[in-house]
Amino acid sequence: MVKLGSEELSYQVVEGWGTLPEGWEFGHVIGVEVDSRDRVYVFNRGEHPVIIFDSEGVVLSSWGEGVFGNPHGIYIDDGGAVYCTDSGDHTVRKFTADGELLRTWGTKDEPKEEEPFNRPTDVAIAPTGEMYVSDGYGNSKVHKYSADGELLLSWGEKGDALGQFVIPHDVWVHKDGRVFVSDRQNHRIQIFDPDGILLDTWTGFKQPCSVYIDPEERVYVPELQARMSILDIEGNLLARWGGEKSKAPGLFIAPHASAVDSHGDLYIGETLEGSRIQKFVR
């Protein structure tokens, strides 16, 4: 079996992981998350938007049918609540693990200029409970909410200068409070403090779609141009593979989202012609 990654951080792809029931198909696999029980939530643009697998790739359940306009980002908080970002109807929703709607932010089917939301892309919860939303395709902003869900501040504007964005495509809050934003069309990741002050910028990516940071402080960055990168928390490259579009197991067409389970195994979802989920074992 071919090893992927690097000598220090290598993976093997699990071919055929995540087989769907007869008649089901993935749409673009836009988001992936793993809960505390190592169940894998695959957020996609198919008929069954949220498909939940066990670690062996067996479908456990699905929900969200008929709910979403255009699925984009998914996040599971420490209590097991599931947050889904919908770039089609301009909302962020909070659900139970079984798909019961708990709360909605934004106004369905009403895009807002310079305020939440206009085609939002992702959501993340800080260790202190604040919620951050990347308002990516329409507004080029990041919004910060209190733990009670009230808007506290917004920052960003369209452009390629430091602190500006061209499609802030994803947001992740590290345990130290730093806010990582995938500035996709500027091919960089920008890092802010909790008040939106720019701290650092990492470059050298090819349309970075998202950031996921594991408990060992490894940073996973799927890049839309068929590449996967893994860095340390200081931005040093640990492993990278792909770069040429391929549907071969372990390679990519358009990786879009990633997540890691309690064993350090990696799940990568693909969009566009890829439209699949792959599992990589450490």
C-alpha atoms as a PDB file:
ATOM      1  CA  MET A   1       0.000   0.000   0.000  1.00  0.00           C
ATOM      2  CA  VAL A   2       1.347   3.414  -0.993  1.00  0.00           C
ATOM      3  CA  LYS A   3       2.281   5.768   1.829  1.00  0.00           C
ATOM      4  CA  LEU A   4       1.253   9.402   1.503  1.00  0.00           C
ATOM      5  CA  GLY A   5       2.499  12.474   3.324  1.00  0.00           C
ATOM      6  CA  SER A   6       6.053  12.444   4.654  1.00  0.00           C
ATOM      7  CA  GLU A   7       8.410  10.105   6.492  1.00  0.00           C
ATOM      8  CA  GLU A   8       7.544  11.800   9.785  1.00  0.00           C
ATOM      9  CA  LEU A   9       3.796  12.006   9.110  1.00  0.00           C
ATOM     10  CA  SER A  10       2.587   9.287   6.761  1.00  0.00           C
ATOM     11  CA  TYR A  11      -0.838   7.938   5.854  1.00  0.00           C
ATOM     12  CA  GLN A  12      -2.418   5.090   3.950  1.00  0.00           C
ATOM     13  CA  VAL A  13      -5.722   5.570   2.164  1.00  0.00           C
ATOM     14  CA  VAL A  14      -8.577   3.196   3.048  1.00  0.00           C
ATOM     15  CA  GLU A  15      -9.939   2.352  -0.378  1.00  0.00           C
ATOM     16  CA  GLY A  16     -13.711   2.161  -0.626  1.00  0.00           C
ATOM     17  CA  TRP A  17     -14.371   3.730   2.776  1.00  0.00           C
ATOM     18  CA  GLY A  18     -17.824   5.292   3.139  1.00  0.00           C
ATOM     19  CA  THR A  19     -19.975   3.168   0.835  1.00  0.00           C
ATOM     20  CA  LEU A  20     -23.455   4.618   0.386  1.00  0.00           C
ATOM     21  CA  PRO A  21     -26.742   2.676   0.333  1.00  0.00           C
ATOM     22  CA  GLU A  22     -28.043   1.673  -3.081  1.00  0.00           C
ATOM     23  CA  GLY A  23     -29.475   4.638  -4.943  1.00  0.00           C
ATOM     24  CA  TRP A  24     -27.668   7.261  -2.851  1.00  0.00           C
ATOM     25  CA  GLU A  25     -25.032   9.593  -4.261  1.00  0.00           C
ATOM     26  CA  PHE A  26     -22.783  12.251  -2.813  1.00  0.00           C
ATOM     27  CA  GLY A  27     -23.168  15.751  -4.077  1.00  0.00           C
ATOM     28  CA  HIS A  28     -20.179  18.007  -3.615  1.00  0.00           C
ATOM     29  CA  VAL A  29     -18.691  16.984  -0.250  1.00  0.00           C
ATOM     30  CA  ILE A  30     -18.357  20.442   1.224  1.00  0.00           C
ATOM     31  CA  GLY A  31     -17.795  19.726   4.922  1.00  0.00           C
ATOM     32  CA  VAL A  32     -16.684  16.931   7.225  1.00  0.00           C
ATOM     33  CA  GLU A  33     -16.641  16.727  11.010  1.00  0.00           C
ATOM     34  CA  VAL A  34     -15.946  14.015  13.605  1.00  0.00           C
ATOM     35  CA  ASP A  35     -17.792  13.933  16.916  1.00  0.00           C
ATOM     36  CA  SER A  36     -16.605  12.705  20.321  1.00  0.00           C
ATOM     37  CA  ARG A  37     -17.681   9.139  19.449  1.00  0.00           C
ATOM     38  CA  ASP A  38     -15.660   9.150  16.194  1.00  0.00           C
ATOM     39  CA  ARG A  39     -18.792   9.341  14.100  1.00  0.00           C
ATOM     40  CA  VAL A  40     -18.079  11.088  10.808  1.00  0.00           C
ATOM     41  CA  TYR A  41     -20.545  13.733   9.611  1.00  0.00           C
ATOM     42  CA  VAL A  42     -20.337  14.327   5.859  1.00  0.00           C
ATOM     43  CA  PHE A  43     -22.027  17.566   4.721  1.00  0.00           C
ATOM     44  CA  ASN A  44     -22.743  17.412   1.002  1.00  0.00           C
ATOM     45  CA  ARG A  45     -24.961  18.808  -1.737  1.00  0.00           C
ATOM     46  CA  GLY A  46     -26.723  15.569  -2.525  1.00  0.00           C
ATOM     47  CA  GLU A  47     -30.240  14.420  -1.671  1.00  0.00           C
ATOM     48  CA  HIS A  48     -29.095  13.503   1.860  1.00  0.00           C
ATOM     49  CA  PRO A  49     -27.145  16.574   3.066  1.00  0.00           C
ATOM     50  CA  VAL A  50     -25.851  15.257   6.415  1.00  0.00           C
ATOM     51  CA  ILE A  51     -24.735  11.621   6.259  1.00  0.00           C
ATOM     52  CA  ILE A  52     -23.326  10.090   9.446  1.00  0.00           C
ATOM     53  CA  PHE A  53     -20.857   7.185   9.252  1.00  0.00           C
ATOM     54  CA  ASP A  54     -19.184   5.079  11.902  1.00  0.00           C
ATOM     55  CA  SER A  55     -15.384   4.822  11.807  1.00  0.00           C
ATOM     56  CA  GLU A  56     -15.598   1.742   9.574  1.00  0.00           C
ATOM     57  CA  GLY A  57     -17.523   3.680   6.919  1.00  0.00           C
ATOM     58  CA  VAL A  58     -20.979   2.253   7.598  1.00  0.00           C
ATOM     59  CA  VAL A  59     -23.879   4.697   7.234  1.00  0.00           C
ATOM     60  CA  LEU A  60     -25.640   5.183  10.570  1.00  0.00           C
ATOM     61  CA  SER A  61     -28.200   7.825   9.654  1.00  0.00           C
ATOM     62  CA  SER A  62     -28.851  10.982   7.656  1.00  0.00           C
ATOM     63  CA  TRP A  63     -30.794  14.208   8.055  1.00  0.00           C
ATOM     64  CA  GLY A  64     -31.332  17.618   6.502  1.00  0.00           C
ATOM     65  CA  GLU A  65     -33.279  16.446   3.478  1.00  0.00           C
ATOM     66  CA  GLY A  66     -35.034  19.445   1.923  1.00  0.00           C
ATOM     67  CA  VAL A  67     -33.595  21.871   4.475  1.00  0.00           C
ATOM     68  CA  PHE A  68     -30.551  23.492   2.849  1.00  0.00           C
ATOM     69  CA  GLY A  69     -30.183  25.782  -0.135  1.00  0.00           C
ATOM     70  CA  ASN A  70     -26.469  25.234  -0.694  1.00  0.00           C
ATOM     71  CA  PRO A  71     -24.572  23.412   2.095  1.00  0.00           C
ATOM     72  CA  HIS A  72     -21.107  24.759   2.880  1.00  0.00           C
ATOM     73  CA  GLY A  73     -19.563  24.531   6.373  1.00  0.00           C
ATOM     74  CA  ILE A  74     -20.162  22.204   9.333  1.00  0.00           C
ATOM     75  CA  TYR A  75     -18.896  22.317  12.916  1.00  0.00           C
ATOM     76  CA  ILE A  76     -19.624  20.197  16.015  1.00  0.00           C
ATOM     77  CA  ASP A  77     -19.176  21.822  19.410  1.00  0.00           C
ATOM     78  CA  ASP A  78     -18.079  20.167  22.655  1.00  0.00           C
ATOM     79  CA  GLY A  79     -21.675  19.463  23.599  1.00  0.00           C
ATOM     80  CA  GLY A  80     -22.391  17.658  20.338  1.00  0.00           C
ATOM     81  CA  ALA A  81     -24.467  20.392  18.701  1.00  0.00           C
ATOM     82  CA  VAL A  82     -24.030  20.649  14.930  1.00  0.00           C
ATOM     83  CA  TYR A  83     -23.662  24.036  13.228  1.00  0.00           C
ATOM     84  CA  CYS A  84     -24.310  24.213   9.480  1.00  0.00           C
ATOM     85  CA  THR A  85     -23.534  27.133   7.199  1.00  0.00           C
ATOM     86  CA  ASP A  86     -25.758  27.580   4.143  1.00  0.00           C
ATOM     87  CA  SER A  87     -24.296  29.782   1.431  1.00  0.00           C
ATOM     88  CA  GLY A  88     -27.493  29.345  -0.594  1.00  0.00           C
ATOM     89  CA  ASP A  89     -30.052  30.787   1.810  1.00  0.00           C
ATOM     90  CA  HIS A  90     -27.667  33.061   3.784  1.00  0.00           C
ATOM     91  CA  THR A  91     -28.080  31.420   7.197  1.00  0.00           C
ATOM     92  CA  VAL A  92     -26.171  29.628   9.935  1.00  0.00           C
ATOM     93  CA  ARG A  93     -28.188  26.989  11.821  1.00  0.00           C
ATOM     94  CA  LYS A  94     -27.596  25.057  15.026  1.00  0.00           C
ATOM     95  CA  PHE A  95     -28.990  21.507  15.262  1.00  0.00           C
ATOM     96  CA  THR A  96     -28.954  18.626  17.667  1.00  0.00           C
ATOM     97  CA  ALA A  97     -26.873  15.611  16.605  1.00  0.00           C
ATOM     98  CA  ASP A  98     -30.092  14.101  15.241  1.00  0.00           C
ATOM     99  CA  GLY A  99     -30.968  17.112  13.110  1.00  0.00           C
ATOM    100  CA  GLU A 100     -33.480  18.949  15.287  1.00  0.00           C
ATOM    101  CA  LEU A 101     -33.229  22.683  14.626  1.00  0.00           C
ATOM    102  CA  LEU A 102     -32.255  24.705  17.720  1.00  0.00           C
ATOM    103  CA  ARG A 103     -31.459  28.183  16.389  1.00  0.00           C
ATOM    104  CA  THR A 104     -30.977  30.160  13.174  1.00  0.00           C
ATOM    105  CA  TRP A 105     -28.792  33.209  12.514  1.00  0.00           C
ATOM    106  CA  GLY A 106     -29.419  35.328   9.436  1.00  0.00           C
ATOM    107  CA  THR A 107     -32.622  35.773   7.461  1.00  0.00           C
ATOM    108  CA  LYS A 108     -33.509  32.955   5.105  1.00  0.00           C
ATOM    109  CA  ASP A 109     -33.197  33.940   1.439  1.00  0.00           C
ATOM    110  CA  GLU A 110     -32.379  37.558   2.301  1.00  0.00           C
ATOM    111  CA  PRO A 111     -28.715  38.443   1.633  1.00  0.00           C
ATOM    112  CA  LYS A 112     -27.395  41.413   3.597  1.00  0.00           C
ATOM    113  CA  GLU A 113     -24.717  43.840   2.449  1.00  0.00           C
ATOM    114  CA  GLU A 114     -21.851  44.364   4.915  1.00  0.00           C
ATOM    115  CA  GLU A 115     -23.722  42.602   7.719  1.00  0.00           C
ATOM    116  CA  PRO A 116     -24.648  38.993   8.421  1.00  0.00           C
ATOM    117  CA  PHE A 117     -25.014  37.264   5.999  1.00  0.00           C
ATOM    118  CA  ASN A 118     -24.347  37.214   2.275  1.00  0.00           C
ATOM    119  CA  ARG A 119     -23.397  33.686   1.207  1.00  0.00           C
ATOM    120  CA  PRO A 120     -21.594  32.657   4.420  1.00  0.00           C
ATOM    121  CA  THR A 121     -19.057  29.848   4.236  1.00  0.00           C
ATOM    122  CA  ASP A 122     -18.187  28.476   7.675  1.00  0.00           C
ATOM    123  CA  VAL A 123     -18.688  28.646  11.433  1.00  0.00           C
ATOM    124  CA  ALA A 124     -16.488  27.844  14.447  1.00  0.00           C
ATOM    125  CA  ILE A 125     -16.898  28.025  18.221  1.00  0.00           C
ATOM    126  CA  ALA A 126     -14.108  29.371  20.448  1.00  0.00           C
ATOM    127  CA  PRO A 127     -13.138  27.576  23.681  1.00  0.00           C
ATOM    128  CA  THR A 128     -14.752  30.506  25.519  1.00  0.00           C
ATOM    129  CA  GLY A 129     -18.043  29.934  23.666  1.00  0.00           C
ATOM    130  CA  GLU A 130     -17.990  32.793  21.160  1.00  0.00           C
ATOM    131  CA  MET A 131     -19.077  31.949  17.621  1.00  0.00           C
ATOM    132  CA  TYR A 132     -17.210  33.106  14.516  1.00  0.00           C
ATOM    133  CA  VAL A 133     -18.666  33.050  10.994  1.00  0.00           C
ATOM    134  CA  SER A 134     -16.803  33.613   7.729  1.00  0.00           C
ATOM    135  CA  ASP A 135     -19.196  35.582   5.521  1.00  0.00           C
ATOM    136  CA  GLY A 136     -17.299  34.653   2.473  1.00  0.00           C
ATOM    137  CA  TYR A 137     -18.754  34.917  -0.992  1.00  0.00           C
ATOM    138  CA  GLY A 138     -20.761  38.114  -0.637  1.00  0.00           C
ATOM    139  CA  ASN A 139     -19.355  40.199   2.206  1.00  0.00           C
ATOM    140  CA  SER A 140     -15.641  39.336   2.648  1.00  0.00           C
ATOM    141  CA  LYS A 141     -16.008  39.557   6.423  1.00  0.00           C
ATOM    142  CA  VAL A 142     -15.679  37.619   9.657  1.00  0.00           C
ATOM    143  CA  HIS A 143     -18.375  38.076  12.308  1.00  0.00           C
ATOM    144  CA  LYS A 144     -17.917  37.373  16.011  1.00  0.00           C
ATOM    145  CA  TYR A 145     -20.881  36.483  18.249  1.00  0.00           C
ATOM    146  CA  SER A 146     -21.135  36.189  22.006  1.00  0.00           C
ATOM    147  CA  ALA A 147     -21.677  32.827  23.670  1.00  0.00           C
ATOM    148  CA  ASP A 148     -25.356  33.829  23.805  1.00  0.00           C
ATOM    149  CA  GLY A 149     -25.378  34.260  20.030  1.00  0.00           C
ATOM    150  CA  GLU A 150     -25.441  38.068  19.825  1.00  0.00           C
ATOM    151  CA  LEU A 151     -23.296  39.895  17.261  1.00  0.00           C
ATOM    152  CA  LEU A 152     -20.261  41.562  18.879  1.00  0.00           C
ATOM    153  CA  LEU A 153     -18.105  42.749  15.991  1.00  0.00           C
ATOM    154  CA  SER A 154     -17.233  42.271  12.327  1.00  0.00           C
ATOM    155  CA  TRP A 155     -14.014  42.806  10.406  1.00  0.00           C
ATOM    156  CA  GLY A 156     -12.626  42.559   6.886  1.00  0.00           C
ATOM    157  CA  GLU A 157     -13.274  43.900   3.412  1.00  0.00           C
ATOM    158  CA  LYS A 158     -12.597  42.755  -0.135  1.00  0.00           C
ATOM    159  CA  GLY A 159      -9.003  43.114  -1.344  1.00  0.00           C
ATOM    160  CA  ASP A 160      -5.543  41.581  -1.274  1.00  0.00           C
ATOM    161  CA  ALA A 161      -3.919  43.826   1.352  1.00  0.00           C
ATOM    162  CA  LEU A 162      -3.178  42.390   4.785  1.00  0.00           C
ATOM    163  CA  GLY A 163      -6.401  41.963   6.734  1.00  0.00           C
ATOM    164  CA  GLN A 164      -8.507  42.000   3.592  1.00  0.00           C
ATOM    165  CA  PHE A 165     -10.104  38.945   1.965  1.00  0.00           C
ATOM    166  CA  VAL A 166     -11.070  37.544  -1.387  1.00  0.00           C
ATOM    167  CA  ILE A 167     -13.480  34.810  -0.323  1.00  0.00           C
ATOM    168  CA  PRO A 168     -12.854  34.139   3.368  1.00  0.00           C
ATOM    169  CA  HIS A 169     -13.764  30.512   2.863  1.00  0.00           C
ATOM    170  CA  ASP A 170     -13.402  29.017   6.333  1.00  0.00           C
ATOM    171  CA  VAL A 171     -12.802  29.991   9.940  1.00  0.00           C
ATOM    172  CA  TRP A 172     -11.187  28.006  12.765  1.00  0.00           C
ATOM    173  CA  VAL A 173     -10.545  29.095  16.358  1.00  0.00           C
ATOM    174  CA  HIS A 174      -7.526  27.546  18.034  1.00  0.00           C
ATOM    175  CA  LYS A 175      -7.506  26.662  21.737  1.00  0.00           C
ATOM    176  CA  ASP A 176      -5.355  29.741  22.420  1.00  0.00           C
ATOM    177  CA  GLY A 177      -8.034  31.994  20.919  1.00  0.00           C
ATOM    178  CA  ARG A 178      -6.331  32.760  17.616  1.00  0.00           C
ATOM    179  CA  VAL A 179      -8.705  32.900  14.662  1.00  0.00           C
ATOM    180  CA  PHE A 180      -7.497  31.231  11.440  1.00  0.00           C
ATOM    181  CA  VAL A 181      -9.199  32.365   8.226  1.00  0.00           C
ATOM    182  CA  SER A 182      -8.702  30.625   4.871  1.00  0.00           C
ATOM    183  CA  ASP A 183      -8.416  33.563   2.468  1.00  0.00           C
ATOM    184  CA  ARG A 184      -8.946  31.305  -0.516  1.00  0.00           C
ATOM    185  CA  GLN A 185      -8.527  33.490  -3.591  1.00  0.00           C
ATOM    186  CA  ASN A 186      -5.543  35.262  -2.051  1.00  0.00           C
ATOM    187  CA  HIS A 187      -3.924  31.823  -1.564  1.00  0.00           C
ATOM    188  CA  ARG A 188      -3.143  32.428   2.093  1.00  0.00           C
ATOM    189  CA  ILE A 189      -4.251  31.858   5.673  1.00  0.00           C
ATOM    190  CA  GLN A 190      -4.586  34.937   7.851  1.00  0.00           C
ATOM    191  CA  ILE A 191      -4.439  34.658  11.642  1.00  0.00           C
ATOM    192  CA  PHE A 192      -6.153  37.158  13.952  1.00  0.00           C
ATOM    193  CA  ASP A 193      -6.596  37.710  17.654  1.00  0.00           C
ATOM    194  CA  PRO A 194     -10.159  37.417  19.054  1.00  0.00           C
ATOM    195  CA  ASP A 195     -10.768  41.114  18.356  1.00  0.00           C
ATOM    196  CA  GLY A 196      -9.875  40.885  14.664  1.00  0.00           C
ATOM    197  CA  ILE A 197      -6.320  42.256  14.921  1.00  0.00           C
ATOM    198  CA  LEU A 198      -4.045  40.607  12.354  1.00  0.00           C
ATOM    199  CA  LEU A 199      -1.241  38.572  13.932  1.00  0.00           C
ATOM    200  CA  ASP A 200       0.292  36.585  11.079  1.00  0.00           C
ATOM    201  CA  THR A 201      -0.147  35.484   7.474  1.00  0.00           C
ATOM    202  CA  TRP A 202       0.834  32.125   5.997  1.00  0.00           C
ATOM    203  CA  THR A 203       1.355  31.937   2.246  1.00  0.00           C
ATOM    204  CA  GLY A 204       2.362  29.329  -0.330  1.00  0.00           C
ATOM    205  CA  PHE A 205      -1.036  27.661  -0.724  1.00  0.00           C
ATOM    206  CA  LYS A 206      -3.115  26.994  -3.828  1.00  0.00           C
ATOM    207  CA  GLN A 207      -6.633  28.097  -2.917  1.00  0.00           C
ATOM    208  CA  PRO A 208      -6.744  26.909   0.714  1.00  0.00           C
ATOM    209  CA  CYS A 209     -10.311  25.872   1.465  1.00  0.00           C
ATOM    210  CA  SER A 210     -10.281  25.211   5.194  1.00  0.00           C
ATOM    211  CA  VAL A 211      -8.258  24.828   8.379  1.00  0.00           C
ATOM    212  CA  TYR A 212      -8.557  22.043  10.945  1.00  0.00           C
ATOM    213  CA  ILE A 213      -6.239  21.891  13.973  1.00  0.00           C
ATOM    214  CA  ASP A 214      -5.931  18.616  15.888  1.00  0.00           C
ATOM    215  CA  PRO A 215      -5.130  18.180  19.624  1.00  0.00           C
ATOM    216  CA  GLU A 216      -1.433  17.785  18.782  1.00  0.00           C
ATOM    217  CA  GLU A 217      -1.513  21.206  17.077  1.00  0.00           C
ATOM    218  CA  ARG A 218      -1.122  19.949  13.551  1.00  0.00           C
ATOM    219  CA  VAL A 219      -2.841  22.187  11.011  1.00  0.00           C
ATOM    220  CA  TYR A 220      -4.621  20.503   8.084  1.00  0.00           C
ATOM    221  CA  VAL A 221      -5.236  22.554   4.945  1.00  0.00           C
ATOM    222  CA  PRO A 222      -7.039  21.055   1.933  1.00  0.00           C
ATOM    223  CA  GLU A 223      -6.242  23.124  -1.146  1.00  0.00           C
ATOM    224  CA  LEU A 224      -8.749  23.322  -3.997  1.00  0.00           C
ATOM    225  CA  GLN A 225      -6.015  22.745  -6.570  1.00  0.00           C
ATOM    226  CA  ALA A 226      -5.820  19.016  -5.783  1.00  0.00           C
ATOM    227  CA  ARG A 227      -3.387  19.257  -2.862  1.00  0.00           C
ATOM    228  CA  MET A 228      -3.344  18.487   0.868  1.00  0.00           C
ATOM    229  CA  SER A 229      -0.949  20.236   3.250  1.00  0.00           C
ATOM    230  CA  ILE A 230      -0.237  19.618   6.937  1.00  0.00           C
ATOM    231  CA  LEU A 231       1.703  22.174   8.995  1.00  0.00           C
ATOM    232  CA  ASP A 232       2.749  22.661  12.590  1.00  0.00           C
ATOM    233  CA  ILE A 233       1.164  25.414  14.660  1.00  0.00           C
ATOM    234  CA  GLU A 234       3.940  27.833  13.672  1.00  0.00           C
ATOM    235  CA  GLY A 235       3.223  27.343   9.967  1.00  0.00           C
ATOM    236  CA  ASN A 236       6.109  25.004   9.118  1.00  0.00           C
ATOM    237  CA  LEU A 237       5.245  22.376   6.515  1.00  0.00           C
ATOM    238  CA  LEU A 238       5.136  18.808   7.868  1.00  0.00           C
ATOM    239  CA  ALA A 239       3.623  16.913   4.923  1.00  0.00           C
ATOM    240  CA  ARG A 240       2.121  17.633   1.509  1.00  0.00           C
ATOM    241  CA  TRP A 241       0.834  15.468  -1.305  1.00  0.00           C
ATOM    242  CA  GLY A 242      -1.219  15.726  -4.478  1.00  0.00           C
ATOM    243  CA  GLY A 243      -1.114  18.689  -6.849  1.00  0.00           C
ATOM    244  CA  GLU A 244      -2.118  16.917 -10.041  1.00  0.00           C
ATOM    245  CA  LYS A 245      -5.831  16.211 -10.411  1.00  0.00           C
ATOM    246  CA  SER A 246      -6.583  12.521 -10.058  1.00  0.00           C
ATOM    247  CA  LYS A 247      -9.455  10.292  -8.949  1.00  0.00           C
ATOM    248  CA  ALA A 248      -6.969   7.596  -7.904  1.00  0.00           C
ATOM    249  CA  PRO A 249      -7.355   6.538  -4.257  1.00  0.00           C
ATOM    250  CA  GLY A 250      -5.359   8.873  -2.019  1.00  0.00           C
ATOM    251  CA  LEU A 251      -5.146  11.677  -4.565  1.00  0.00           C
ATOM    252  CA  PHE A 252      -7.602  14.460  -5.316  1.00  0.00           C
ATOM    253  CA  ILE A 253      -9.633  16.452  -7.768  1.00  0.00           C
ATOM    254  CA  ALA A 254     -10.689  19.271  -5.430  1.00  0.00           C
ATOM    255  CA  PRO A 255     -10.228  18.743  -1.657  1.00  0.00           C
ATOM    256  CA  HIS A 256     -12.461  21.076   0.325  1.00  0.00           C
ATOM    257  CA  ALA A 257     -12.670  19.995   3.982  1.00  0.00           C
ATOM    258  CA  SER A 258     -10.880  17.771   6.481  1.00  0.00           C
ATOM    259  CA  ALA A 259     -11.231  16.420  10.012  1.00  0.00           C
ATOM    260  CA  VAL A 260      -9.313  14.061  12.306  1.00  0.00           C
ATOM    261  CA  ASP A 261     -10.641  11.393  14.680  1.00  0.00           C
ATOM    262  CA  SER A 262      -9.373  10.345  18.114  1.00  0.00           C
ATOM    263  CA  HIS A 263      -6.877   7.921  16.534  1.00  0.00           C
ATOM    264  CA  GLY A 264      -5.294  10.581  14.338  1.00  0.00           C
ATOM    265  CA  ASP A 265      -6.927   9.205  11.187  1.00  0.00           C
ATOM    266  CA  LEU A 266      -7.755  11.828   8.586  1.00  0.00           C
ATOM    267  CA  TYR A 267     -10.946  12.346   6.573  1.00  0.00           C
ATOM    268  CA  ILE A 268     -10.946  14.549   3.467  1.00  0.00           C
ATOM    269  CA  GLY A 269     -14.028  15.639   1.538  1.00  0.00           C
ATOM    270  CA  GLU A 270     -13.897  16.717  -2.103  1.00  0.00           C
ATOM    271  CA  THR A 271     -16.048  18.989  -4.212  1.00  0.00           C
ATOM    272  CA  LEU A 272     -16.463  19.532  -7.985  1.00  0.00           C
ATOM    273  CA  GLU A 273     -15.814  16.399 -10.030  1.00  0.00           C
ATOM    274  CA  GLY A 274     -14.330  14.689  -6.967  1.00  0.00           C
ATOM    275  CA  SER A 275     -17.471  14.632  -4.791  1.00  0.00           C
ATOM    276  CA  ARG A 276     -16.312  11.928  -2.390  1.00  0.00           C
ATOM    277  CA  ILE A 277     -14.997  11.320   1.115  1.00  0.00           C
ATOM    278  CA  GLN A 278     -11.659   9.565   1.694  1.00  0.00           C
ATOM    279  CA  LYS A 279     -10.209   8.157   4.902  1.00  0.00           C
ATOM    280  CA  PHE A 280      -6.463   8.139   5.554  1.00  0.00           C
ATOM    281  CA  VAL A 281      -5.057   6.023   8.388  1.00  0.00           C
ATOM    282  CA  ARG A 282      -1.974   7.249  10.262  1.00  0.00           C
END
